């Protein structure tokens, strides 16, 4: 996974085969006071149940720590999985990267 910072927002380019390390990737940034996170799914074409669990767990930990998290660039195939699991209650599934940045900043 690649991590960049954009105007005090941590942007994680998610790799579908590395979701299990998502929290370990984000946790140090929260420790430094970075509370705005965007998960960019540009390169994700498939998520299994382990990956979904890692994403939900990370989201819950970020929110519990007083942070904001958004997802961006979700392909229709992955959106379908999120919708079946009713994850649109936790995430706006229709954000591009720019919109997700605005959501977590605002």
PDB file of N, CA and C in Angstrom:
ATOM      1  N   UNK A   1       0.834  -1.177   0.000  1.00  0.00           N
ATOM      2  CA  UNK A   1       0.000   0.000   0.000  1.00  0.00           C
ATOM      3  C   UNK A   1       0.878   1.239   0.000  1.00  0.00           C
ATOM      4  N   UNK A   2       0.422   2.207  -0.741  1.00  0.00           N
ATOM      5  CA  UNK A   2       1.131   3.476  -0.790  1.00  0.00           C
ATOM      6  C   UNK A   2       0.370   4.486   0.054  1.00  0.00           C
ATOM      7  N   UNK A   3       1.106   5.239   0.861  1.00  0.00           N
ATOM      8  CA  UNK A   3       0.501   6.254   1.716  1.00  0.00           C
ATOM      9  C   UNK A   3       1.083   7.611   1.328  1.00  0.00           C
ATOM     10  N   UNK A   4       0.194   8.577   1.126  1.00  0.00           N
ATOM     11  CA  UNK A   4       0.614   9.946   0.863  1.00  0.00           C
ATOM     12  C   UNK A   4      -0.197  10.865   1.774  1.00  0.00           C
ATOM     13  N   UNK A   5       0.263  12.077   1.909  1.00  0.00           N
ATOM     14  CA  UNK A   5      -0.493  13.081   2.650  1.00  0.00           C
ATOM     15  C   UNK A   5      -0.870  14.192   1.701  1.00  0.00           C
ATOM     16  N   UNK A   6      -2.116  14.603   1.798  1.00  0.00           N
ATOM     17  CA  UNK A   6      -2.636  15.653   0.941  1.00  0.00           C
ATOM     18  C   UNK A   6      -3.342  16.665   1.842  1.00  0.00           C
ATOM     19  N   UNK A   7      -2.689  17.787   2.104  1.00  0.00           N
ATOM     20  CA  UNK A   7      -3.278  18.846   2.921  1.00  0.00           C
ATOM     21  C   UNK A   7      -3.767  18.308   4.270  1.00  0.00           C
ATOM     22  N   UNK A   8      -2.890  17.605   4.969  1.00  0.00           N
ATOM     23  CA  UNK A   8      -3.134  17.040   6.304  1.00  0.00           C
ATOM     24  C   UNK A   8      -4.125  15.863   6.305  1.00  0.00           C
ATOM     25  N   UNK A   9      -4.415  15.307   5.132  1.00  0.00           N
ATOM     26  CA  UNK A   9      -5.241  14.107   5.022  1.00  0.00           C
ATOM     27  C   UNK A   9      -4.332  12.953   4.596  1.00  0.00           C
ATOM     28  N   UNK A  10      -4.450  11.830   5.301  1.00  0.00           N
ATOM     29  CA  UNK A  10      -3.680  10.634   4.954  1.00  0.00           C
ATOM     30  C   UNK A  10      -4.464   9.872   3.894  1.00  0.00           C
ATOM     31  N   UNK A  11      -3.837   9.661   2.743  1.00  0.00           N
ATOM     32  CA  UNK A  11      -4.482   8.941   1.643  1.00  0.00           C
ATOM     33  C   UNK A  11      -3.759   7.615   1.460  1.00  0.00           C
ATOM     34  N   UNK A  12      -4.513   6.526   1.618  1.00  0.00           N
ATOM     35  CA  UNK A  12      -3.954   5.187   1.480  1.00  0.00           C
ATOM     36  C   UNK A  12      -4.471   4.581   0.187  1.00  0.00           C
ATOM     37  N   UNK A  13      -3.557   4.304  -0.734  1.00  0.00           N
ATOM     38  CA  UNK A  13      -3.928   3.584  -1.951  1.00  0.00           C
ATOM     39  C   UNK A  13      -3.977   2.108  -1.587  1.00  0.00           C
ATOM     40  N   UNK A  14      -5.182   1.588  -1.471  1.00  0.00           N
ATOM     41  CA  UNK A  14      -5.397   0.235  -0.979  1.00  0.00           C
ATOM     42  C   UNK A  14      -5.012  -0.784  -2.042  1.00  0.00           C
ATOM     43  N   UNK A  15      -4.286  -1.797  -1.594  1.00  0.00           N
ATOM     44  CA  UNK A  15      -3.964  -2.947  -2.436  1.00  0.00           C
ATOM     45  C   UNK A  15      -4.771  -4.123  -1.900  1.00  0.00           C
ATOM     46  N   UNK A  16      -5.570  -4.745  -2.761  1.00  0.00           N
ATOM     47  CA  UNK A  16      -6.504  -5.771  -2.292  1.00  0.00           C
ATOM     48  C   UNK A  16      -5.829  -6.918  -1.563  1.00  0.00           C
ATOM     49  N   UNK A  17      -4.580  -7.194  -1.883  1.00  0.00           N
ATOM     50  CA  UNK A  17      -3.893  -8.308  -1.229  1.00  0.00           C
ATOM     51  C   UNK A  17      -3.187  -7.878   0.056  1.00  0.00           C
ATOM     52  N   UNK A  18      -3.331  -6.610   0.453  1.00  0.00           N
ATOM     53  CA  UNK A  18      -2.667  -6.124   1.656  1.00  0.00           C
ATOM     54  C   UNK A  18      -3.630  -5.520   2.669  1.00  0.00           C
ATOM     55  N   UNK A  19      -4.907  -5.772   2.536  1.00  0.00           N
ATOM     56  CA  UNK A  19      -5.889  -5.191   3.447  1.00  0.00           C
ATOM     57  C   UNK A  19      -5.663  -5.619   4.894  1.00  0.00           C
ATOM     58  N   UNK A  20      -5.095  -6.774   5.092  1.00  0.00           N
ATOM     59  CA  UNK A  20      -4.871  -7.245   6.460  1.00  0.00           C
ATOM     60  C   UNK A  20      -3.910  -6.332   7.220  1.00  0.00           C
ATOM     61  N   UNK A  21      -3.112  -5.549   6.501  1.00  0.00           N
ATOM     62  CA  UNK A  21      -2.181  -4.629   7.154  1.00  0.00           C
ATOM     63  C   UNK A  21      -2.694  -3.188   7.159  1.00  0.00           C
ATOM     64  N   UNK A  22      -3.953  -2.996   6.817  1.00  0.00           N
ATOM     65  CA  UNK A  22      -4.508  -1.654   6.710  1.00  0.00           C
ATOM     66  C   UNK A  22      -4.399  -0.885   8.019  1.00  0.00           C
ATOM     67  N   UNK A  23      -4.827  -1.485   9.122  1.00  0.00           N
ATOM     68  CA  UNK A  23      -4.765  -0.787  10.408  1.00  0.00           C
ATOM     69  C   UNK A  23      -3.325  -0.485  10.804  1.00  0.00           C
ATOM     70  N   UNK A  24      -2.428  -1.439  10.619  1.00  0.00           N
ATOM     71  CA  UNK A  24      -1.023  -1.206  10.957  1.00  0.00           C
ATOM     72  C   UNK A  24      -0.429  -0.071  10.126  1.00  0.00           C
ATOM     73  N   UNK A  25      -0.946   0.110   8.934  1.00  0.00           N
ATOM     74  CA  UNK A  25      -0.488   1.191   8.066  1.00  0.00           C
ATOM     75  C   UNK A  25      -0.993   2.545   8.560  1.00  0.00           C
ATOM     76  N   UNK A  26      -2.230   2.606   9.011  1.00  0.00           N
ATOM     77  CA  UNK A  26      -2.866   3.867   9.398  1.00  0.00           C
ATOM     78  C   UNK A  26      -2.569   4.263  10.844  1.00  0.00           C
ATOM     79  N   UNK A  27      -2.440   3.308  11.712  1.00  0.00           N
ATOM     80  CA  UNK A  27      -2.292   3.586  13.151  1.00  0.00           C
ATOM     81  C   UNK A  27      -1.194   4.606  13.482  1.00  0.00           C
ATOM     82  N   UNK A  28       0.001   4.514  12.901  1.00  0.00           N
ATOM     83  CA  UNK A  28       1.035   5.506  13.244  1.00  0.00           C
ATOM     84  C   UNK A  28       0.631   6.947  12.904  1.00  0.00           C
ATOM     85  N   UNK A  29      -0.127   7.116  11.847  1.00  0.00           N
ATOM     86  CA  UNK A  29      -0.566   8.462  11.470  1.00  0.00           C
ATOM     87  C   UNK A  29      -1.555   9.019  12.486  1.00  0.00           C
ATOM     88  N   UNK A  30      -2.440   8.166  12.986  1.00  0.00           N
ATOM     89  CA  UNK A  30      -3.369   8.614  14.029  1.00  0.00           C
ATOM     90  C   UNK A  30      -2.588   8.999  15.276  1.00  0.00           C
ATOM     91  N   UNK A  31      -1.546   8.238  15.573  1.00  0.00           N
ATOM     92  CA  UNK A  31      -0.688   8.548  16.712  1.00  0.00           C
ATOM     93  C   UNK A  31      -0.004   9.899  16.582  1.00  0.00           C
ATOM     94  N   UNK A  32       0.204  10.344  15.355  1.00  0.00           N
ATOM     95  CA  UNK A  32       0.814  11.654  15.097  1.00  0.00           C
ATOM     96  C   UNK A  32      -0.234  12.761  15.017  1.00  0.00           C
ATOM     97  N   UNK A  33      -1.495  12.415  15.291  1.00  0.00           N
ATOM     98  CA  UNK A  33      -2.550  13.424  15.287  1.00  0.00           C
ATOM     99  C   UNK A  33      -3.260  13.601  13.961  1.00  0.00           C
ATOM    100  N   UNK A  34      -2.948  12.785  12.987  1.00  0.00           N
ATOM    101  CA  UNK A  34      -3.629  12.851  11.682  1.00  0.00           C
ATOM    102  C   UNK A  34      -4.956  12.110  11.818  1.00  0.00           C
ATOM    103  N   UNK A  35      -6.046  12.828  11.720  1.00  0.00           N
ATOM    104  CA  UNK A  35      -7.352  12.227  11.981  1.00  0.00           C
ATOM    105  C   UNK A  35      -8.249  12.130  10.747  1.00  0.00           C
ATOM    106  N   UNK A  36      -7.732  12.512   9.594  1.00  0.00           N
ATOM    107  CA  UNK A  36      -8.512  12.461   8.358  1.00  0.00           C
ATOM    108  C   UNK A  36      -7.876  11.444   7.423  1.00  0.00           C
ATOM    109  N   UNK A  37      -8.657  10.415   7.070  1.00  0.00           N
ATOM    110  CA  UNK A  37      -8.149   9.289   6.291  1.00  0.00           C
ATOM    111  C   UNK A  37      -9.028   9.072   5.067  1.00  0.00           C
ATOM    112  N   UNK A  38      -8.391   8.868   3.918  1.00  0.00           N
ATOM    113  CA  UNK A  38      -9.095   8.461   2.700  1.00  0.00           C
ATOM    114  C   UNK A  38      -8.492   7.153   2.231  1.00  0.00           C
ATOM    115  N   UNK A  39      -9.360   6.176   2.006  1.00  0.00           N
ATOM    116  CA  UNK A  39      -8.941   4.898   1.431  1.00  0.00           C
ATOM    117  C   UNK A  39      -9.269   4.936  -0.053  1.00  0.00           C
ATOM    118  N   UNK A  40      -8.252   4.917  -0.874  1.00  0.00           N
ATOM    119  CA  UNK A  40      -8.415   4.991  -2.326  1.00  0.00           C
ATOM    120  C   UNK A  40      -8.412   3.571  -2.900  1.00  0.00           C
ATOM    121  N   UNK A  41      -9.530   3.173  -3.500  1.00  0.00           N
ATOM    122  CA  UNK A  41      -9.702   1.815  -4.019  1.00  0.00           C
ATOM    123  C   UNK A  41      -9.484   1.726  -5.531  1.00  0.00           C
ATOM    124  N   UNK A  42      -8.753   2.652  -6.107  1.00  0.00           N
ATOM    125  CA  UNK A  42      -8.515   2.667  -7.546  1.00  0.00           C
ATOM    126  C   UNK A  42      -8.020   1.327  -8.068  1.00  0.00           C
ATOM    127  N   UNK A  43      -7.146   0.675  -7.339  1.00  0.00           N
ATOM    128  CA  UNK A  43      -6.505  -0.565  -7.815  1.00  0.00           C
ATOM    129  C   UNK A  43      -7.136  -1.834  -7.256  1.00  0.00           C
ATOM    130  N   UNK A  44      -8.322  -1.710  -6.666  1.00  0.00           N
ATOM    131  CA  UNK A  44      -8.979  -2.871  -6.071  1.00  0.00           C
ATOM    132  C   UNK A  44     -10.088  -3.359  -6.994  1.00  0.00           C
ATOM    133  N   UNK A  45      -9.987  -4.626  -7.381  1.00  0.00           N
ATOM    134  CA  UNK A  45     -11.004  -5.235  -8.238  1.00  0.00           C
ATOM    135  C   UNK A  45     -11.804  -6.314  -7.519  1.00  0.00           C
ATOM    136  N   UNK A  46     -11.318  -6.741  -6.365  1.00  0.00           N
ATOM    137  CA  UNK A  46     -11.961  -7.837  -5.635  1.00  0.00           C
ATOM    138  C   UNK A  46     -11.633  -7.692  -4.159  1.00  0.00           C
ATOM    139  N   UNK A  47     -12.617  -7.977  -3.307  1.00  0.00           N
ATOM    140  CA  UNK A  47     -12.390  -8.025  -1.868  1.00  0.00           C
ATOM    141  C   UNK A  47     -13.017  -9.294  -1.317  1.00  0.00           C
ATOM    142  N   UNK A  48     -12.261 -10.018  -0.521  1.00  0.00           N
ATOM    143  CA  UNK A  48     -12.835 -11.188   0.142  1.00  0.00           C
ATOM    144  C   UNK A  48     -13.289 -10.804   1.547  1.00  0.00           C
ATOM    145  N   UNK A  49     -13.840 -11.754   2.271  1.00  0.00           N
ATOM    146  CA  UNK A  49     -14.398 -11.454   3.590  1.00  0.00           C
ATOM    147  C   UNK A  49     -13.340 -10.980   4.583  1.00  0.00           C
ATOM    148  N   UNK A  50     -12.131 -11.474   4.473  1.00  0.00           N
ATOM    149  CA  UNK A  50     -11.048 -11.044   5.358  1.00  0.00           C
ATOM    150  C   UNK A  50     -10.719  -9.574   5.091  1.00  0.00           C
ATOM    151  N   UNK A  51     -10.676  -9.203   3.813  1.00  0.00           N
ATOM    152  CA  UNK A  51     -10.395  -7.814   3.448  1.00  0.00           C
ATOM    153  C   UNK A  51     -11.498  -6.876   3.945  1.00  0.00           C
ATOM    154  N   UNK A  52     -12.737  -7.278   3.764  1.00  0.00           N
ATOM    155  CA  UNK A  52     -13.870  -6.471   4.225  1.00  0.00           C
ATOM    156  C   UNK A  52     -13.797  -6.291   5.737  1.00  0.00           C
ATOM    157  N   UNK A  53     -13.509  -7.363   6.460  1.00  0.00           N
ATOM    158  CA  UNK A  53     -13.397  -7.276   7.917  1.00  0.00           C
ATOM    159  C   UNK A  53     -12.293  -6.305   8.326  1.00  0.00           C
ATOM    160  N   UNK A  54     -11.176  -6.319   7.622  1.00  0.00           N
ATOM    161  CA  UNK A  54     -10.068  -5.409   7.921  1.00  0.00           C
ATOM    162  C   UNK A  54     -10.474  -3.959   7.670  1.00  0.00           C
ATOM    163  N   UNK A  55     -11.225  -3.720   6.620  1.00  0.00           N
ATOM    164  CA  UNK A  55     -11.680  -2.359   6.295  1.00  0.00           C
ATOM    165  C   UNK A  55     -12.651  -1.857   7.361  1.00  0.00           C
ATOM    166  N   UNK A  56     -13.601  -2.692   7.759  1.00  0.00           N
ATOM    167  CA  UNK A  56     -14.571  -2.305   8.787  1.00  0.00           C
ATOM    168  C   UNK A  56     -13.864  -2.064  10.122  1.00  0.00           C
ATOM    169  N   UNK A  57     -12.969  -2.952  10.489  1.00  0.00           N
ATOM    170  CA  UNK A  57     -12.226  -2.801  11.742  1.00  0.00           C
ATOM    171  C   UNK A  57     -11.423  -1.505  11.755  1.00  0.00           C
ATOM    172  N   UNK A  58     -10.760  -1.213  10.652  1.00  0.00           N
ATOM    173  CA  UNK A  58      -9.974   0.023  10.550  1.00  0.00           C
ATOM    174  C   UNK A  58     -10.882   1.234  10.668  1.00  0.00           C
ATOM    175  N   UNK A  59     -11.999   1.202   9.979  1.00  0.00           N
ATOM    176  CA  UNK A  59     -12.955   2.313  10.051  1.00  0.00           C
ATOM    177  C   UNK A  59     -13.413   2.530  11.487  1.00  0.00           C
ATOM    178  N   UNK A  60     -13.757   1.458  12.171  1.00  0.00           N
ATOM    179  CA  UNK A  60     -14.236   1.580  13.548  1.00  0.00           C
ATOM    180  C   UNK A  60     -13.170   2.157  14.475  1.00  0.00           C
ATOM    181  N   UNK A  61     -11.926   1.759  14.290  1.00  0.00           N
ATOM    182  CA  UNK A  61     -10.829   2.266  15.127  1.00  0.00           C
ATOM    183  C   UNK A  61     -10.553   3.743  14.845  1.00  0.00           C
ATOM    184  N   UNK A  62     -10.614   4.136  13.583  1.00  0.00           N
ATOM    185  CA  UNK A  62     -10.405   5.543  13.227  1.00  0.00           C
ATOM    186  C   UNK A  62     -11.494   6.401  13.858  1.00  0.00           C
ATOM    187  N   UNK A  63     -12.745   5.988  13.720  1.00  0.00           N
ATOM    188  CA  UNK A  63     -13.871   6.745  14.266  1.00  0.00           C
ATOM    189  C   UNK A  63     -13.792   6.783  15.797  1.00  0.00           C
ATOM    190  N   UNK A  64     -13.462   5.662  16.416  1.00  0.00           N
ATOM    191  CA  UNK A  64     -13.338   5.612  17.882  1.00  0.00           C
ATOM    192  C   UNK A  64     -12.237   6.548  18.375  1.00  0.00           C
ATOM    193  N   UNK A  65     -11.227   6.770  17.549  1.00  0.00           N
ATOM    194  CA  UNK A  65     -10.141   7.673  17.890  1.00  0.00           C
ATOM    195  C   UNK A  65     -10.443   9.133  17.562  1.00  0.00           C
ATOM    196  N   UNK A  66     -11.669   9.407  17.153  1.00  0.00           N
ATOM    197  CA  UNK A  66     -12.068  10.781  16.855  1.00  0.00           C
ATOM    198  C   UNK A  66     -11.769  11.223  15.439  1.00  0.00           C
ATOM    199  N   UNK A  67     -11.445  10.268  14.573  1.00  0.00           N
ATOM    200  CA  UNK A  67     -11.101  10.607  13.199  1.00  0.00           C
ATOM    201  C   UNK A  67     -12.259  10.472  12.232  1.00  0.00           C
ATOM    202  N   UNK A  68     -11.981  10.868  10.993  1.00  0.00           N
ATOM    203  CA  UNK A  68     -12.938  10.721   9.895  1.00  0.00           C
ATOM    204  C   UNK A  68     -12.276   9.865   8.829  1.00  0.00           C
ATOM    205  N   UNK A  69     -13.084   9.016   8.199  1.00  0.00           N
ATOM    206  CA  UNK A  69     -12.563   8.143   7.151  1.00  0.00           C
ATOM    207  C   UNK A  69     -13.564   8.097   6.000  1.00  0.00           C
ATOM    208  N   UNK A  70     -13.044   8.108   4.797  1.00  0.00           N
ATOM    209  CA  UNK A  70     -13.890   8.009   3.605  1.00  0.00           C
ATOM    210  C   UNK A  70     -13.221   7.056   2.624  1.00  0.00           C
ATOM    211  N   UNK A  71     -14.038   6.500   1.739  1.00  0.00           N
ATOM    212  CA  UNK A  71     -13.521   5.632   0.681  1.00  0.00           C
ATOM    213  C   UNK A  71     -13.728   6.334  -0.654  1.00  0.00           C
ATOM    214  N   UNK A  72     -12.827   6.056  -1.587  1.00  0.00           N
ATOM    215  CA  UNK A  72     -12.895   6.719  -2.891  1.00  0.00           C
ATOM    216  C   UNK A  72     -12.585   5.749  -4.012  1.00  0.00           C
ATOM    217  N   UNK A  73     -13.108   6.085  -5.192  1.00  0.00           N
ATOM    218  CA  UNK A  73     -12.776   5.369  -6.423  1.00  0.00           C
ATOM    219  C   UNK A  73     -13.113   3.873  -6.372  1.00  0.00           C
ATOM    220  N   UNK A  74     -14.280   3.562  -5.813  1.00  0.00           N
ATOM    221  CA  UNK A  74     -14.686   2.153  -5.726  1.00  0.00           C
ATOM    222  C   UNK A  74     -15.318   1.734  -7.046  1.00  0.00           C
ATOM    223  N   UNK A  75     -14.809   0.670  -7.609  1.00  0.00           N
ATOM    224  CA  UNK A  75     -15.350   0.128  -8.858  1.00  0.00           C
ATOM    225  C   UNK A  75     -16.722  -0.503  -8.596  1.00  0.00           C
ATOM    226  N   UNK A  76     -17.555  -0.553  -9.626  1.00  0.00           N
ATOM    227  CA  UNK A  76     -18.915  -1.072  -9.482  1.00  0.00           C
ATOM    228  C   UNK A  76     -18.947  -2.486  -8.912  1.00  0.00           C
ATOM    229  N   UNK A  77     -18.020  -3.312  -9.333  1.00  0.00           N
ATOM    230  CA  UNK A  77     -17.973  -4.696  -8.845  1.00  0.00           C
ATOM    231  C   UNK A  77     -17.757  -4.749  -7.333  1.00  0.00           C
ATOM    232  N   UNK A  78     -16.895  -3.889  -6.825  1.00  0.00           N
ATOM    233  CA  UNK A  78     -16.619  -3.834  -5.383  1.00  0.00           C
ATOM    234  C   UNK A  78     -17.766  -3.143  -4.651  1.00  0.00           C
ATOM    235  N   UNK A  79     -18.366  -2.132  -5.287  1.00  0.00           N
ATOM    236  CA  UNK A  79     -19.536  -1.472  -4.692  1.00  0.00           C
ATOM    237  C   UNK A  79     -20.645  -2.471  -4.432  1.00  0.00           C
ATOM    238  N   UNK A  80     -20.820  -3.397  -5.355  1.00  0.00           N
ATOM    239  CA  UNK A  80     -21.872  -4.404  -5.203  1.00  0.00           C
ATOM    240  C   UNK A  80     -21.658  -5.218  -3.930  1.00  0.00           C
ATOM    241  N   UNK A  81     -20.424  -5.564  -3.641  1.00  0.00           N
ATOM    242  CA  UNK A  81     -20.108  -6.313  -2.417  1.00  0.00           C
ATOM    243  C   UNK A  81     -20.413  -5.447  -1.198  1.00  0.00           C
ATOM    244  N   UNK A  82     -19.998  -4.178  -1.236  1.00  0.00           N
ATOM    245  CA  UNK A  82     -20.264  -3.261  -0.124  1.00  0.00           C
ATOM    246  C   UNK A  82     -21.769  -3.133   0.112  1.00  0.00           C
ATOM    247  N   UNK A  83     -22.542  -3.068  -0.981  1.00  0.00           N
ATOM    248  CA  UNK A  83     -23.994  -2.894  -0.845  1.00  0.00           C
ATOM    249  C   UNK A  83     -24.665  -4.144  -0.278  1.00  0.00           C
ATOM    250  N   UNK A  84     -24.227  -5.316  -0.721  1.00  0.00           N
ATOM    251  CA  UNK A  84     -24.789  -6.558  -0.195  1.00  0.00           C
ATOM    252  C   UNK A  84     -24.592  -6.625   1.322  1.00  0.00           C
ATOM    253  N   UNK A  85     -23.461  -6.125   1.771  1.00  0.00           N
ATOM    254  CA  UNK A  85     -23.141  -6.131   3.199  1.00  0.00           C
ATOM    255  C   UNK A  85     -23.683  -4.902   3.929  1.00  0.00           C
ATOM    256  N   UNK A  86     -24.434  -4.072   3.212  1.00  0.00           N
ATOM    257  CA  UNK A  86     -25.053  -2.865   3.767  1.00  0.00           C
ATOM    258  C   UNK A  86     -24.027  -1.861   4.296  1.00  0.00           C
ATOM    259  N   UNK A  87     -22.855  -1.837   3.668  1.00  0.00           N
ATOM    260  CA  UNK A  87     -21.796  -0.937   4.121  1.00  0.00           C
ATOM    261  C   UNK A  87     -21.994   0.497   3.651  1.00  0.00           C
ATOM    262  N   UNK A  88     -23.023   0.739   2.831  1.00  0.00           N
ATOM    263  CA  UNK A  88     -23.324   2.115   2.475  1.00  0.00           C
ATOM    264  C   UNK A  88     -23.810   2.894   3.695  1.00  0.00           C
ATOM    265  N   UNK A  89     -24.134   2.182   4.778  1.00  0.00           N
ATOM    266  CA  UNK A  89     -24.475   2.854   6.038  1.00  0.00           C
ATOM    267  C   UNK A  89     -23.230   3.424   6.710  1.00  0.00           C
ATOM    268  N   UNK A  90     -22.071   2.857   6.399  1.00  0.00           N
ATOM    269  CA  UNK A  90     -20.815   3.316   6.994  1.00  0.00           C
ATOM    270  C   UNK A  90     -20.012   4.225   6.074  1.00  0.00           C
ATOM    271  N   UNK A  91     -20.159   4.022   4.782  1.00  0.00           N
ATOM    272  CA  UNK A  91     -19.350   4.733   3.794  1.00  0.00           C
ATOM    273  C   UNK A  91     -20.222   5.262   2.670  1.00  0.00           C
ATOM    274  N   UNK A  92     -19.874   6.437   2.154  1.00  0.00           N
ATOM    275  CA  UNK A  92     -20.455   6.905   0.890  1.00  0.00           C
ATOM    276  C   UNK A  92     -19.671   6.194  -0.209  1.00  0.00           C
ATOM    277  N   UNK A  93     -20.326   5.397  -0.999  1.00  0.00           N
ATOM    278  CA  UNK A  93     -19.651   4.552  -1.994  1.00  0.00           C
ATOM    279  C   UNK A  93     -19.440   5.243  -3.334  1.00  0.00           C
ATOM    280  N   UNK A  94     -19.869   6.484  -3.469  1.00  0.00           N
ATOM    281  CA  UNK A  94     -19.844   7.147  -4.770  1.00  0.00           C
ATOM    282  C   UNK A  94     -18.877   8.327  -4.852  1.00  0.00           C
ATOM    283  N   UNK A  95     -17.868   8.334  -4.017  1.00  0.00           N
ATOM    284  CA  UNK A  95     -16.939   9.456  -3.997  1.00  0.00           C
ATOM    285  C   UNK A  95     -15.721   9.210  -4.880  1.00  0.00           C
ATOM    286  N   UNK A  96     -15.327  10.256  -5.605  1.00  0.00           N
ATOM    287  CA  UNK A  96     -14.023  10.197  -6.236  1.00  0.00           C
ATOM    288  C   UNK A  96     -13.010  10.699  -5.201  1.00  0.00           C
ATOM    289  N   UNK A  97     -11.752  10.673  -5.557  1.00  0.00           N
ATOM    290  CA  UNK A  97     -10.708  11.033  -4.588  1.00  0.00           C
ATOM    291  C   UNK A  97     -10.867  12.468  -4.074  1.00  0.00           C
ATOM    292  N   UNK A  98     -11.138  13.402  -4.976  1.00  0.00           N
ATOM    293  CA  UNK A  98     -11.287  14.806  -4.599  1.00  0.00           C
ATOM    294  C   UNK A  98     -12.461  15.000  -3.636  1.00  0.00           C
ATOM    295  N   UNK A  99     -13.575  14.353  -3.914  1.00  0.00           N
ATOM    296  CA  UNK A  99     -14.754  14.455  -3.052  1.00  0.00           C
ATOM    297  C   UNK A  99     -14.498  13.829  -1.679  1.00  0.00           C
ATOM    298  N   UNK A 100     -13.796  12.695  -1.652  1.00  0.00           N
ATOM    299  CA  UNK A 100     -13.479  12.044  -0.383  1.00  0.00           C
ATOM    300  C   UNK A 100     -12.586  12.941   0.467  1.00  0.00           C
ATOM    301  N   UNK A 101     -11.630  13.607  -0.162  1.00  0.00           N
ATOM    302  CA  UNK A 101     -10.772  14.539   0.575  1.00  0.00           C
ATOM    303  C   UNK A 101     -11.618  15.643   1.219  1.00  0.00           C
ATOM    304  N   UNK A 102     -12.577  16.162   0.484  1.00  0.00           N
ATOM    305  CA  UNK A 102     -13.447  17.225   1.003  1.00  0.00           C
ATOM    306  C   UNK A 102     -14.282  16.718   2.168  1.00  0.00           C
ATOM    307  N   UNK A 103     -14.776  15.486   2.089  1.00  0.00           N
ATOM    308  CA  UNK A 103     -15.609  14.916   3.149  1.00  0.00           C
ATOM    309  C   UNK A 103     -14.841  14.829   4.464  1.00  0.00           C
ATOM    310  N   UNK A 104     -13.624  14.327   4.426  1.00  0.00           N
ATOM    311  CA  UNK A 104     -12.886  14.148   5.684  1.00  0.00           C
ATOM    312  C   UNK A 104     -12.311  15.454   6.226  1.00  0.00           C
ATOM    313  N   UNK A 105     -12.153  16.430   5.377  1.00  0.00           N
ATOM    314  CA  UNK A 105     -11.675  17.738   5.846  1.00  0.00           C
ATOM    315  C   UNK A 105     -12.797  18.535   6.502  1.00  0.00           C
ATOM    316  N   UNK A 106     -14.016  18.349   5.982  1.00  0.00           N
ATOM    317  CA  UNK A 106     -15.135  19.190   6.393  1.00  0.00           C
ATOM    318  C   UNK A 106     -15.819  18.717   7.586  1.00  0.00           C
TER     319      UNK A 106
END
